[in-house]
Amino acid sequence: MSKKPISATIDEELTKWISKQTEDKQKYRNKSHLIEIALELLKNQK
């Protein structure tokens, strides 16, 4: 699967939460990984 970089402007509190979530590399490799998983979950909601 090819990946394409994107840019988004999001709330500062959300960026702080993302940074906190990605401190432990066991669950998310990096911010992009977390965001990709979140978008997949949103996409798959019915």
N, C-alpha and C. Protein backbone atom coordinates (compact mmCIF):
# COMPACT_ATOMS: atom_id res chain seq x y z
N MET A 1 0.85 -1.18 0.00
CA MET A 1 0.00 0.00 0.00
C MET A 1 0.89 1.24 0.00
N SER A 2 0.69 2.10 -0.95
CA SER A 2 1.47 3.33 -0.97
C SER A 2 0.86 4.35 -0.02
N LYS A 3 1.68 5.22 0.49
CA LYS A 3 1.23 6.24 1.42
C LYS A 3 1.52 7.61 0.85
N LYS A 4 0.68 8.56 1.18
CA LYS A 4 0.82 9.91 0.67
C LYS A 4 0.77 10.88 1.85
N PRO A 5 1.74 11.77 1.95
CA PRO A 5 1.72 12.73 3.05
C PRO A 5 0.59 13.73 2.88
N ILE A 6 0.00 14.11 4.02
CA ILE A 6 -1.04 15.15 4.01
C ILE A 6 -0.73 16.14 5.12
N SER A 7 -1.45 17.23 5.14
CA SER A 7 -1.29 18.23 6.18
C SER A 7 -2.67 18.54 6.75
N ALA A 8 -2.73 18.74 8.07
CA ALA A 8 -4.00 19.08 8.70
C ALA A 8 -3.73 20.04 9.85
N THR A 9 -4.67 20.92 10.09
CA THR A 9 -4.60 21.83 11.22
C THR A 9 -5.61 21.34 12.24
N ILE A 10 -5.11 21.02 13.46
CA ILE A 10 -6.00 20.49 14.49
C ILE A 10 -5.79 21.24 15.81
N ASP A 11 -6.76 21.10 16.69
CA ASP A 11 -6.75 21.76 17.98
C ASP A 11 -5.49 21.42 18.79
N GLU A 12 -4.96 22.40 19.50
CA GLU A 12 -3.75 22.21 20.28
C GLU A 12 -3.90 21.13 21.36
N GLU A 13 -5.06 21.07 22.00
CA GLU A 13 -5.29 20.04 23.01
C GLU A 13 -5.22 18.65 22.39
N LEU A 14 -5.71 18.51 21.19
CA LEU A 14 -5.65 17.23 20.49
C LEU A 14 -4.22 16.86 20.14
N THR A 15 -3.42 17.84 19.75
CA THR A 15 -2.02 17.54 19.45
C THR A 15 -1.25 17.12 20.71
N LYS A 16 -1.60 17.71 21.85
CA LYS A 16 -0.97 17.31 23.12
C LYS A 16 -1.35 15.87 23.45
N TRP A 17 -2.62 15.53 23.24
CA TRP A 17 -3.08 14.18 23.52
C TRP A 17 -2.37 13.17 22.60
N ILE A 18 -2.25 13.51 21.34
CA ILE A 18 -1.56 12.64 20.38
C ILE A 18 -0.11 12.43 20.82
N SER A 19 0.57 13.49 21.19
CA SER A 19 1.96 13.37 21.63
C SER A 19 2.07 12.46 22.85
N LYS A 20 1.16 12.60 23.78
CA LYS A 20 1.17 11.76 24.99
C LYS A 20 0.95 10.29 24.62
N GLN A 21 0.04 10.04 23.71
CA GLN A 21 -0.26 8.67 23.29
C GLN A 21 0.93 8.01 22.60
N THR A 22 1.72 8.79 21.91
CA THR A 22 2.83 8.22 21.13
C THR A 22 4.15 8.16 21.91
N GLU A 23 4.12 8.53 23.19
CA GLU A 23 5.33 8.43 24.01
C GLU A 23 5.77 6.98 24.15
N ASP A 24 4.82 6.08 24.35
CA ASP A 24 5.12 4.65 24.48
C ASP A 24 4.99 4.02 23.09
N LYS A 25 6.09 3.63 22.51
CA LYS A 25 6.12 3.12 21.14
C LYS A 25 5.53 1.72 20.99
N GLN A 26 5.04 1.12 22.09
CA GLN A 26 4.45 -0.22 22.02
C GLN A 26 3.15 -0.23 21.20
N LYS A 27 2.32 0.81 21.38
CA LYS A 27 1.01 0.84 20.73
C LYS A 27 1.03 1.58 19.38
N TYR A 28 1.69 2.73 19.35
CA TYR A 28 1.75 3.54 18.13
C TYR A 28 3.21 3.87 17.83
N ARG A 29 3.61 3.64 16.58
CA ARG A 29 5.00 3.92 16.18
C ARG A 29 5.30 5.42 16.19
N ASN A 30 4.31 6.19 15.75
CA ASN A 30 4.49 7.65 15.65
C ASN A 30 3.11 8.30 15.49
N LYS A 31 3.08 9.60 15.34
CA LYS A 31 1.82 10.33 15.23
C LYS A 31 1.04 9.90 13.98
N SER A 32 1.74 9.70 12.89
CA SER A 32 1.07 9.29 11.66
C SER A 32 0.38 7.94 11.83
N HIS A 33 1.03 7.03 12.54
CA HIS A 33 0.46 5.70 12.78
C HIS A 33 -0.82 5.83 13.60
N LEU A 34 -0.80 6.63 14.66
CA LEU A 34 -1.99 6.85 15.49
C LEU A 34 -3.14 7.44 14.66
N ILE A 35 -2.84 8.45 13.89
CA ILE A 35 -3.87 9.11 13.08
C ILE A 35 -4.43 8.16 12.03
N GLU A 36 -3.58 7.37 11.42
CA GLU A 36 -4.03 6.41 10.42
C GLU A 36 -4.99 5.38 11.04
N ILE A 37 -4.65 4.88 12.22
CA ILE A 37 -5.52 3.92 12.90
C ILE A 37 -6.85 4.58 13.26
N ALA A 38 -6.80 5.80 13.77
CA ALA A 38 -8.03 6.52 14.14
C ALA A 38 -8.94 6.72 12.92
N LEU A 39 -8.35 7.07 11.79
CA LEU A 39 -9.15 7.27 10.58
C LEU A 39 -9.73 5.97 10.05
N GLU A 40 -8.97 4.88 10.16
CA GLU A 40 -9.50 3.57 9.76
C GLU A 40 -10.70 3.17 10.62
N LEU A 41 -10.58 3.43 11.94
CA LEU A 41 -11.70 3.12 12.84
C LEU A 41 -12.93 3.94 12.48
N LEU A 42 -12.74 5.23 12.20
CA LEU A 42 -13.84 6.10 11.81
C LEU A 42 -14.46 5.63 10.48
N LYS A 43 -13.61 5.27 9.55
CA LYS A 43 -14.07 4.80 8.22
C LYS A 43 -14.92 3.54 8.35
N ASN A 44 -14.54 2.64 9.28
CA ASN A 44 -15.23 1.37 9.41
C ASN A 44 -16.48 1.42 10.30
N GLN A 45 -16.77 2.56 10.90
CA GLN A 45 -17.99 2.69 11.70
C GLN A 45 -19.20 2.67 10.78
N LYS A 46 -20.23 2.05 11.26
CA LYS A 46 -21.47 1.99 10.44
C LYS A 46 -22.55 2.84 11.06
